[in-house]
Amino acid sequence: MRSLSVAQKTLCTLLMVIFLTLGANANAAEINDSAALSGIKEGKGVYLISLDKPQKAALYLEIIKSTHQSMAAQGVKPDFILVYVGATVRFLTTEPAEEFTEIKPVLQSIASSVKELNELGVQQEVCVIATNFFKVPNEKLLPGLSLVGNGFTSLIGYQAKGYGLVPIF
């Protein structure tokens, strides 16, 4: 095996120091939401969740949990409300339809996220118009969910109370 010359060793060492320094400087400029969150103490958001694929519902619930945690870590109290409408209600039941038996882990992820969001104090509402339309028995909804007469009415009311709309569809 050929040994490196002193010049080659010095060059390799210098390049490693430069790359390590550049990497450290890139991480030094922390990525955050300080511009958007500047001057506010509470972040009020009402999420309109209307998804027809359980995988997307599971993903977005994880993102909402992450958003809640990120906002809190940045010194802003998150005040979130989730309003489930449309086909999404089919994934919010303790007894899913037979068509979803193959994706049981995805439905378990959704149920887990609903529970965790509830534990974080996130209010979650389900539109009874949607449960009726999709024939989801209201008594079979996951724990932590509240029925409302009309999800759109909820959205209008919360926006009038200063909640920012976050549409997810």
N, C-alpha and C. Protein backbone atom coordinates (compact mmCIF):
# COMPACT_ATOMS: atom_id res chain seq x y z
N MET A 1 0.84 -1.18 0.00
CA MET A 1 0.00 0.00 0.00
C MET A 1 0.89 1.24 0.00
N ARG A 2 0.62 2.15 -0.82
CA ARG A 2 1.40 3.36 -0.99
C ARG A 2 1.09 4.35 0.12
N SER A 3 2.08 4.97 0.72
CA SER A 3 1.84 5.94 1.78
C SER A 3 1.70 7.33 1.17
N LEU A 4 0.95 8.16 1.85
CA LEU A 4 0.71 9.52 1.37
C LEU A 4 1.89 10.41 1.75
N SER A 5 2.18 11.36 0.87
CA SER A 5 3.24 12.32 1.16
C SER A 5 2.75 13.30 2.21
N VAL A 6 3.65 14.02 2.80
CA VAL A 6 3.31 15.02 3.81
C VAL A 6 2.37 16.06 3.21
N ALA A 7 2.61 16.45 1.98
CA ALA A 7 1.77 17.45 1.32
C ALA A 7 0.36 16.92 1.12
N GLN A 8 0.23 15.65 0.74
CA GLN A 8 -1.08 15.04 0.54
C GLN A 8 -1.83 14.91 1.86
N LYS A 9 -1.09 14.52 2.93
CA LYS A 9 -1.71 14.42 4.25
C LYS A 9 -2.19 15.78 4.73
N THR A 10 -1.38 16.80 4.50
CA THR A 10 -1.74 18.15 4.91
C THR A 10 -2.97 18.62 4.14
N LEU A 11 -2.98 18.36 2.83
CA LEU A 11 -4.12 18.75 2.00
C LEU A 11 -5.39 18.04 2.45
N CYS A 12 -5.30 16.74 2.72
CA CYS A 12 -6.47 15.97 3.19
C CYS A 12 -6.97 16.52 4.52
N THR A 13 -6.06 16.81 5.43
CA THR A 13 -6.43 17.35 6.73
C THR A 13 -7.10 18.72 6.57
N LEU A 14 -6.52 19.56 5.72
CA LEU A 14 -7.08 20.89 5.48
C LEU A 14 -8.48 20.79 4.89
N LEU A 15 -8.67 19.89 3.92
CA LEU A 15 -10.00 19.72 3.31
C LEU A 15 -11.02 19.22 4.33
N MET A 16 -10.60 18.28 5.20
CA MET A 16 -11.53 17.80 6.24
C MET A 16 -11.92 18.92 7.18
N VAL A 17 -10.97 19.75 7.57
CA VAL A 17 -11.27 20.88 8.47
C VAL A 17 -12.24 21.85 7.78
N ILE A 18 -12.00 22.12 6.51
CA ILE A 18 -12.88 23.04 5.78
C ILE A 18 -14.30 22.47 5.70
N PHE A 19 -14.43 21.19 5.32
CA PHE A 19 -15.75 20.57 5.21
C PHE A 19 -16.47 20.51 6.56
N LEU A 20 -15.74 20.18 7.60
CA LEU A 20 -16.34 20.15 8.94
C LEU A 20 -16.78 21.55 9.37
N THR A 21 -15.97 22.55 9.06
CA THR A 21 -16.32 23.93 9.42
C THR A 21 -17.54 24.39 8.63
N LEU A 22 -17.57 24.09 7.34
CA LEU A 22 -18.73 24.47 6.53
C LEU A 22 -19.99 23.78 7.04
N GLY A 23 -19.89 22.49 7.38
CA GLY A 23 -21.03 21.75 7.91
C GLY A 23 -21.51 22.34 9.22
N ALA A 24 -20.58 22.71 10.08
CA ALA A 24 -20.96 23.31 11.37
C ALA A 24 -21.62 24.66 11.16
N ASN A 25 -21.11 25.45 10.21
CA ASN A 25 -21.71 26.76 9.95
C ASN A 25 -23.10 26.63 9.34
N ALA A 26 -23.30 25.62 8.51
CA ALA A 26 -24.62 25.41 7.92
C ALA A 26 -25.63 25.09 9.00
N ASN A 27 -25.23 24.31 10.00
CA ASN A 27 -26.14 23.96 11.09
C ASN A 27 -26.28 25.10 12.08
N ALA A 28 -25.30 26.01 12.13
CA ALA A 28 -25.35 27.12 13.08
C ALA A 28 -26.53 28.04 12.78
N ALA A 29 -26.85 28.21 11.51
CA ALA A 29 -28.00 29.03 11.13
C ALA A 29 -29.24 28.16 11.25
N GLU A 30 -29.82 28.12 12.44
CA GLU A 30 -30.95 27.24 12.71
C GLU A 30 -32.16 27.59 11.84
N ILE A 31 -32.77 26.55 11.33
CA ILE A 31 -33.98 26.74 10.54
C ILE A 31 -35.16 26.76 11.50
N ASN A 32 -35.93 27.82 11.45
CA ASN A 32 -37.08 27.93 12.34
C ASN A 32 -38.15 28.80 11.68
N ASP A 33 -39.15 29.15 12.45
CA ASP A 33 -40.27 29.94 11.93
C ASP A 33 -40.34 31.30 12.62
N SER A 34 -39.19 31.83 13.00
CA SER A 34 -39.16 33.05 13.81
C SER A 34 -39.82 34.24 13.12
N ALA A 35 -39.70 34.36 11.82
CA ALA A 35 -40.33 35.49 11.13
C ALA A 35 -41.85 35.43 11.26
N ALA A 36 -42.42 34.25 11.05
CA ALA A 36 -43.87 34.09 11.12
C ALA A 36 -44.38 34.19 12.55
N LEU A 37 -43.59 33.71 13.51
CA LEU A 37 -44.06 33.65 14.89
C LEU A 37 -43.66 34.87 15.71
N SER A 38 -42.92 35.78 15.11
CA SER A 38 -42.46 36.97 15.82
C SER A 38 -43.62 37.76 16.41
N GLY A 39 -43.56 38.01 17.71
CA GLY A 39 -44.55 38.86 18.37
C GLY A 39 -45.84 38.17 18.77
N ILE A 40 -45.97 36.88 18.53
CA ILE A 40 -47.20 36.21 18.95
C ILE A 40 -46.91 35.23 20.07
N LYS A 41 -47.85 35.07 20.95
CA LYS A 41 -47.72 34.16 22.08
C LYS A 41 -48.54 32.89 21.88
N GLU A 42 -49.56 32.96 21.00
CA GLU A 42 -50.45 31.83 20.77
C GLU A 42 -50.70 31.68 19.28
N GLY A 43 -50.62 30.43 18.80
CA GLY A 43 -50.90 30.14 17.40
C GLY A 43 -52.23 29.42 17.27
N LYS A 44 -53.23 30.11 16.74
CA LYS A 44 -54.59 29.55 16.64
C LYS A 44 -54.84 29.09 15.20
N GLY A 45 -55.01 27.75 15.05
CA GLY A 45 -55.26 27.20 13.73
C GLY A 45 -56.41 26.22 13.76
N VAL A 46 -57.26 26.32 12.74
CA VAL A 46 -58.34 25.35 12.57
C VAL A 46 -58.05 24.60 11.26
N TYR A 47 -57.88 23.30 11.39
CA TYR A 47 -57.54 22.46 10.26
C TYR A 47 -58.79 21.84 9.67
N LEU A 48 -59.00 22.05 8.39
CA LEU A 48 -60.07 21.39 7.64
C LEU A 48 -59.45 20.14 7.03
N ILE A 49 -59.83 18.97 7.52
CA ILE A 49 -59.24 17.73 7.04
C ILE A 49 -60.26 16.96 6.21
N SER A 50 -59.98 16.89 4.92
CA SER A 50 -60.86 16.20 3.99
C SER A 50 -59.99 15.37 3.05
N LEU A 51 -59.73 14.13 3.45
CA LEU A 51 -58.85 13.23 2.70
C LEU A 51 -59.58 11.93 2.38
N ASP A 52 -59.32 11.38 1.21
CA ASP A 52 -59.99 10.13 0.86
C ASP A 52 -59.06 8.92 0.90
N LYS A 53 -57.80 9.14 1.30
CA LYS A 53 -56.85 8.04 1.41
C LYS A 53 -56.34 7.96 2.84
N PRO A 54 -56.46 6.80 3.48
CA PRO A 54 -56.03 6.68 4.87
C PRO A 54 -54.54 6.94 5.07
N GLN A 55 -53.72 6.59 4.08
CA GLN A 55 -52.28 6.84 4.21
C GLN A 55 -51.99 8.34 4.31
N LYS A 56 -52.70 9.14 3.52
CA LYS A 56 -52.52 10.58 3.58
C LYS A 56 -53.02 11.13 4.92
N ALA A 57 -54.12 10.59 5.42
CA ALA A 57 -54.64 11.03 6.71
C ALA A 57 -53.62 10.75 7.81
N ALA A 58 -53.04 9.55 7.79
CA ALA A 58 -52.04 9.18 8.80
C ALA A 58 -50.83 10.12 8.72
N LEU A 59 -50.38 10.40 7.51
CA LEU A 59 -49.23 11.28 7.31
C LEU A 59 -49.52 12.69 7.83
N TYR A 60 -50.65 13.25 7.44
CA TYR A 60 -50.96 14.63 7.85
C TYR A 60 -51.20 14.75 9.35
N LEU A 61 -51.75 13.74 9.97
CA LEU A 61 -51.91 13.79 11.43
C LEU A 61 -50.55 13.81 12.11
N GLU A 62 -49.59 13.08 11.57
CA GLU A 62 -48.23 13.12 12.10
C GLU A 62 -47.63 14.52 11.92
N ILE A 63 -47.87 15.12 10.76
CA ILE A 63 -47.35 16.46 10.50
C ILE A 63 -47.99 17.48 11.44
N ILE A 64 -49.27 17.34 11.71
CA ILE A 64 -49.95 18.26 12.64
C ILE A 64 -49.36 18.12 14.04
N LYS A 65 -49.11 16.89 14.48
CA LYS A 65 -48.47 16.68 15.79
C LYS A 65 -47.10 17.35 15.81
N SER A 66 -46.34 17.18 14.74
CA SER A 66 -45.02 17.78 14.64
C SER A 66 -45.10 19.31 14.65
N THR A 67 -46.09 19.85 13.98
CA THR A 67 -46.30 21.29 13.95
C THR A 67 -46.60 21.80 15.36
N HIS A 68 -47.45 21.09 16.07
CA HIS A 68 -47.80 21.45 17.45
C HIS A 68 -46.54 21.49 18.31
N GLN A 69 -45.72 20.44 18.21
CA GLN A 69 -44.50 20.36 19.02
C GLN A 69 -43.49 21.43 18.62
N SER A 70 -43.35 21.68 17.33
CA SER A 70 -42.41 22.68 16.84
C SER A 70 -42.80 24.08 17.30
N MET A 71 -44.08 24.38 17.21
CA MET A 71 -44.56 25.70 17.64
C MET A 71 -44.30 25.89 19.13
N ALA A 72 -44.60 24.88 19.93
CA ALA A 72 -44.37 24.96 21.37
C ALA A 72 -42.89 25.14 21.67
N ALA A 73 -42.04 24.42 20.95
CA ALA A 73 -40.59 24.52 21.15
C ALA A 73 -40.06 25.90 20.80
N GLN A 74 -40.78 26.61 19.94
CA GLN A 74 -40.37 27.96 19.54
C GLN A 74 -41.02 29.04 20.41
N GLY A 75 -41.65 28.61 21.51
CA GLY A 75 -42.18 29.56 22.48
C GLY A 75 -43.56 30.10 22.19
N VAL A 76 -44.29 29.47 21.28
CA VAL A 76 -45.65 29.89 20.95
C VAL A 76 -46.60 28.77 21.36
N LYS A 77 -47.63 29.13 22.12
CA LYS A 77 -48.61 28.12 22.57
C LYS A 77 -49.52 27.75 21.40
N PRO A 78 -49.49 26.48 20.99
CA PRO A 78 -50.38 26.06 19.92
C PRO A 78 -51.82 25.87 20.42
N ASP A 79 -52.76 26.39 19.68
CA ASP A 79 -54.19 26.22 19.97
C ASP A 79 -54.82 25.73 18.68
N PHE A 80 -54.89 24.42 18.53
CA PHE A 80 -55.34 23.81 17.28
C PHE A 80 -56.70 23.16 17.45
N ILE A 81 -57.48 23.24 16.38
CA ILE A 81 -58.75 22.53 16.27
C ILE A 81 -58.73 21.80 14.93
N LEU A 82 -59.08 20.53 14.96
CA LEU A 82 -59.18 19.75 13.73
C LEU A 82 -60.65 19.48 13.45
N VAL A 83 -61.06 19.75 12.21
CA VAL A 83 -62.44 19.48 11.80
C VAL A 83 -62.37 18.48 10.64
N TYR A 84 -62.86 17.27 10.91
CA TYR A 84 -62.84 16.20 9.91
C TYR A 84 -64.16 16.23 9.15
N VAL A 85 -64.05 16.28 7.82
CA VAL A 85 -65.24 16.26 6.96
C VAL A 85 -65.00 15.24 5.85
N GLY A 86 -66.04 14.98 5.09
CA GLY A 86 -65.91 14.13 3.91
C GLY A 86 -65.50 12.71 4.24
N ALA A 87 -64.82 12.09 3.28
CA ALA A 87 -64.46 10.68 3.36
C ALA A 87 -63.51 10.36 4.52
N THR A 88 -62.84 11.33 5.05
CA THR A 88 -61.92 11.11 6.16
C THR A 88 -62.60 10.41 7.33
N VAL A 89 -63.87 10.67 7.54
CA VAL A 89 -64.57 10.09 8.70
C VAL A 89 -64.55 8.56 8.66
N ARG A 90 -64.36 7.97 7.50
CA ARG A 90 -64.33 6.50 7.38
C ARG A 90 -63.13 5.90 8.10
N PHE A 91 -62.10 6.71 8.37
CA PHE A 91 -60.87 6.21 9.00
C PHE A 91 -60.83 6.51 10.49
N LEU A 92 -61.91 7.07 11.04
CA LEU A 92 -61.93 7.54 12.43
C LEU A 92 -62.82 6.69 13.32
N THR A 93 -62.94 5.43 13.00
CA THR A 93 -63.86 4.56 13.71
C THR A 93 -63.14 3.40 14.38
N THR A 94 -63.72 2.92 15.46
CA THR A 94 -63.16 1.76 16.17
C THR A 94 -63.42 0.47 15.41
N GLU A 95 -64.37 0.50 14.48
CA GLU A 95 -64.69 -0.68 13.67
C GLU A 95 -64.73 -0.29 12.19
N PRO A 96 -63.55 -0.26 11.56
CA PRO A 96 -63.49 0.15 10.16
C PRO A 96 -64.21 -0.81 9.23
N ALA A 97 -64.59 -0.31 8.08
CA ALA A 97 -65.25 -1.14 7.06
C ALA A 97 -64.30 -2.23 6.59
N GLU A 98 -64.88 -3.32 6.10
CA GLU A 98 -64.09 -4.46 5.64
C GLU A 98 -63.10 -4.08 4.55
N GLU A 99 -63.41 -3.08 3.76
CA GLU A 99 -62.51 -2.68 2.67
C GLU A 99 -61.16 -2.19 3.19
N PHE A 100 -61.06 -1.88 4.50
CA PHE A 100 -59.83 -1.36 5.07
C PHE A 100 -59.05 -2.39 5.89
N THR A 101 -59.45 -3.66 5.85
CA THR A 101 -58.79 -4.67 6.69
C THR A 101 -57.32 -4.86 6.30
N GLU A 102 -56.97 -4.67 5.06
CA GLU A 102 -55.59 -4.85 4.61
C GLU A 102 -54.66 -3.73 5.09
N ILE A 103 -55.20 -2.61 5.48
CA ILE A 103 -54.36 -1.47 5.89
C ILE A 103 -54.53 -1.18 7.39
N LYS A 104 -54.69 -2.24 8.15
CA LYS A 104 -54.89 -2.10 9.59
C LYS A 104 -53.79 -1.26 10.26
N PRO A 105 -52.51 -1.42 9.92
CA PRO A 105 -51.47 -0.60 10.56
C PRO A 105 -51.66 0.91 10.31
N VAL A 106 -52.15 1.26 9.13
CA VAL A 106 -52.40 2.67 8.82
C VAL A 106 -53.53 3.21 9.70
N LEU A 107 -54.59 2.42 9.85
CA LEU A 107 -55.71 2.83 10.70
C LEU A 107 -55.29 2.91 12.17
N GLN A 108 -54.40 2.01 12.58
CA GLN A 108 -53.88 2.08 13.95
C GLN A 108 -53.05 3.34 14.15
N SER A 109 -52.31 3.74 13.14
CA SER A 109 -51.53 4.98 13.20
C SER A 109 -52.46 6.18 13.34
N ILE A 110 -53.55 6.18 12.59
CA ILE A 110 -54.52 7.27 12.68
C ILE A 110 -55.11 7.31 14.09
N ALA A 111 -55.53 6.16 14.61
CA ALA A 111 -56.12 6.11 15.96
C ALA A 111 -55.12 6.59 17.00
N SER A 112 -53.88 6.20 16.84
CA SER A 112 -52.83 6.63 17.78
C SER A 112 -52.63 8.15 17.71
N SER A 113 -52.61 8.70 16.52
CA SER A 113 -52.44 10.15 16.36
C SER A 113 -53.62 10.91 16.94
N VAL A 114 -54.84 10.41 16.72
CA VAL A 114 -56.03 11.05 17.30
C VAL A 114 -55.89 11.10 18.82
N LYS A 115 -55.46 9.98 19.40
CA LYS A 115 -55.29 9.92 20.85
C LYS A 115 -54.20 10.88 21.32
N GLU A 116 -53.06 10.88 20.65
CA GLU A 116 -51.95 11.76 21.04
C GLU A 116 -52.33 13.24 20.90
N LEU A 117 -53.02 13.57 19.83
CA LEU A 117 -53.46 14.96 19.65
C LEU A 117 -54.44 15.35 20.76
N ASN A 118 -55.31 14.44 21.10
CA ASN A 118 -56.25 14.69 22.19
C ASN A 118 -55.48 14.96 23.49
N GLU A 119 -54.45 14.15 23.75
CA GLU A 119 -53.64 14.33 24.95
C GLU A 119 -52.88 15.66 24.95
N LEU A 120 -52.58 16.18 23.76
CA LEU A 120 -51.93 17.49 23.65
C LEU A 120 -52.92 18.64 23.83
N GLY A 121 -54.20 18.31 23.95
CA GLY A 121 -55.22 19.34 24.12
C GLY A 121 -55.81 19.85 22.82
N VAL A 122 -55.56 19.14 21.73
CA VAL A 122 -56.10 19.53 20.43
C VAL A 122 -57.54 19.08 20.34
N GLN A 123 -58.43 20.03 20.10
CA GLN A 123 -59.86 19.73 19.94
C GLN A 123 -60.07 19.13 18.55
N GLN A 124 -60.85 18.04 18.48
CA GLN A 124 -61.09 17.36 17.21
C GLN A 124 -62.58 17.15 17.02
N GLU A 125 -63.08 17.66 15.92
CA GLU A 125 -64.51 17.57 15.62
C GLU A 125 -64.76 16.77 14.35
N VAL A 126 -65.87 16.04 14.35
CA VAL A 126 -66.27 15.23 13.20
C VAL A 126 -67.64 15.70 12.74
N CYS A 127 -67.76 15.95 11.47
CA CYS A 127 -69.01 16.42 10.88
C CYS A 127 -70.02 15.27 10.78
N VAL A 128 -71.19 15.46 11.42
CA VAL A 128 -72.22 14.42 11.40
C VAL A 128 -72.83 14.26 10.00
N ILE A 129 -72.79 15.29 9.19
CA ILE A 129 -73.26 15.15 7.81
C ILE A 129 -72.40 14.10 7.10
N ALA A 130 -71.09 14.16 7.33
CA ALA A 130 -70.17 13.20 6.71
C ALA A 130 -70.36 11.80 7.26
N THR A 131 -70.53 11.67 8.58
CA THR A 131 -70.72 10.32 9.13
C THR A 131 -72.01 9.70 8.61
N ASN A 132 -73.04 10.51 8.48
CA ASN A 132 -74.30 10.00 7.92
C ASN A 132 -74.13 9.60 6.46
N PHE A 133 -73.48 10.45 5.67
CA PHE A 133 -73.30 10.18 4.25
C PHE A 133 -72.48 8.91 4.01
N PHE A 134 -71.41 8.74 4.80
CA PHE A 134 -70.53 7.59 4.62
C PHE A 134 -70.91 6.40 5.51
N LYS A 135 -72.06 6.51 6.16
CA LYS A 135 -72.61 5.43 6.98
C LYS A 135 -71.63 4.94 8.06
N VAL A 136 -71.03 5.91 8.73
CA VAL A 136 -70.14 5.62 9.85
C VAL A 136 -70.96 5.78 11.13
N PRO A 137 -71.14 4.73 11.90
CA PRO A 137 -71.92 4.85 13.14
C PRO A 137 -71.24 5.82 14.12
N ASN A 138 -71.98 6.82 14.53
CA ASN A 138 -71.41 7.85 15.42
C ASN A 138 -70.89 7.26 16.73
N GLU A 139 -71.55 6.22 17.22
CA GLU A 139 -71.13 5.61 18.49
C GLU A 139 -69.83 4.81 18.32
N LYS A 140 -69.36 4.61 17.10
CA LYS A 140 -68.12 3.86 16.83
C LYS A 140 -66.94 4.79 16.53
N LEU A 141 -67.14 6.10 16.68
CA LEU A 141 -66.02 7.03 16.45
C LEU A 141 -64.95 6.82 17.53
N LEU A 142 -63.70 7.09 17.14
CA LEU A 142 -62.59 6.95 18.07
C LEU A 142 -62.78 7.85 19.29
N PRO A 143 -62.31 7.43 20.44
CA PRO A 143 -62.38 8.29 21.64
C PRO A 143 -61.61 9.60 21.40
N GLY A 144 -62.13 10.67 21.96
CA GLY A 144 -61.48 11.97 21.82
C GLY A 144 -62.02 12.82 20.70
N LEU A 145 -62.96 12.27 19.94
CA LEU A 145 -63.57 13.02 18.84
C LEU A 145 -64.95 13.50 19.26
N SER A 146 -65.30 14.73 18.86
CA SER A 146 -66.62 15.30 19.17
C SER A 146 -67.41 15.47 17.88
N LEU A 147 -68.67 15.08 17.94
CA LEU A 147 -69.56 15.29 16.79
C LEU A 147 -70.06 16.72 16.74
N VAL A 148 -70.11 17.27 15.54
CA VAL A 148 -70.71 18.59 15.33
C VAL A 148 -71.74 18.46 14.21
N GLY A 149 -72.72 19.34 14.24
CA GLY A 149 -73.79 19.28 13.25
C GLY A 149 -73.32 19.52 11.83
N ASN A 150 -72.35 20.41 11.65
CA ASN A 150 -71.89 20.76 10.32
C ASN A 150 -70.44 21.26 10.43
N GLY A 151 -69.52 20.52 9.84
CA GLY A 151 -68.10 20.89 9.91
C GLY A 151 -67.82 22.25 9.32
N PHE A 152 -68.54 22.62 8.27
CA PHE A 152 -68.31 23.93 7.65
C PHE A 152 -68.75 25.07 8.57
N THR A 153 -69.83 24.84 9.31
CA THR A 153 -70.27 25.84 10.28
C THR A 153 -69.19 26.03 11.35
N SER A 154 -68.61 24.93 11.80
CA SER A 154 -67.52 25.01 12.78
C SER A 154 -66.37 25.85 12.22
N LEU A 155 -65.99 25.59 10.99
CA LEU A 155 -64.89 26.33 10.38
C LEU A 155 -65.18 27.83 10.32
N ILE A 156 -66.38 28.17 9.94
CA ILE A 156 -66.76 29.59 9.87
C ILE A 156 -66.70 30.22 11.26
N GLY A 157 -67.24 29.51 12.25
CA GLY A 157 -67.24 30.03 13.61
C GLY A 157 -65.85 30.22 14.16
N TYR A 158 -64.98 29.24 13.97
CA TYR A 158 -63.62 29.36 14.51
C TYR A 158 -62.81 30.44 13.79
N GLN A 159 -63.03 30.58 12.50
CA GLN A 159 -62.34 31.66 11.79
C GLN A 159 -62.80 33.02 12.29
N ALA A 160 -64.09 33.14 12.60
CA ALA A 160 -64.61 34.40 13.14
C ALA A 160 -64.01 34.69 14.51
N LYS A 161 -63.53 33.64 15.21
CA LYS A 161 -62.90 33.79 16.52
C LYS A 161 -61.39 33.96 16.42
N GLY A 162 -60.88 34.13 15.21
CA GLY A 162 -59.46 34.41 15.05
C GLY A 162 -58.58 33.23 14.72
N TYR A 163 -59.14 32.07 14.46
CA TYR A 163 -58.35 30.90 14.07
C TYR A 163 -58.02 30.98 12.58
N GLY A 164 -56.77 30.72 12.25
CA GLY A 164 -56.38 30.68 10.86
C GLY A 164 -56.73 29.35 10.24
N LEU A 165 -57.27 29.38 9.02
CA LEU A 165 -57.68 28.16 8.34
C LEU A 165 -56.48 27.46 7.73
N VAL A 166 -56.36 26.16 7.99
CA VAL A 166 -55.33 25.32 7.39
C VAL A 166 -56.05 24.19 6.66
N PRO A 167 -56.25 24.34 5.36
CA PRO A 167 -56.97 23.29 4.60
C PRO A 167 -56.05 22.14 4.23
N ILE A 168 -56.53 20.92 4.49
CA ILE A 168 -55.78 19.72 4.13
C ILE A 168 -56.71 18.81 3.35
N PHE A 169 -56.44 18.68 2.07
CA PHE A 169 -57.28 17.82 1.23
C PHE A 169 -56.47 17.23 0.10
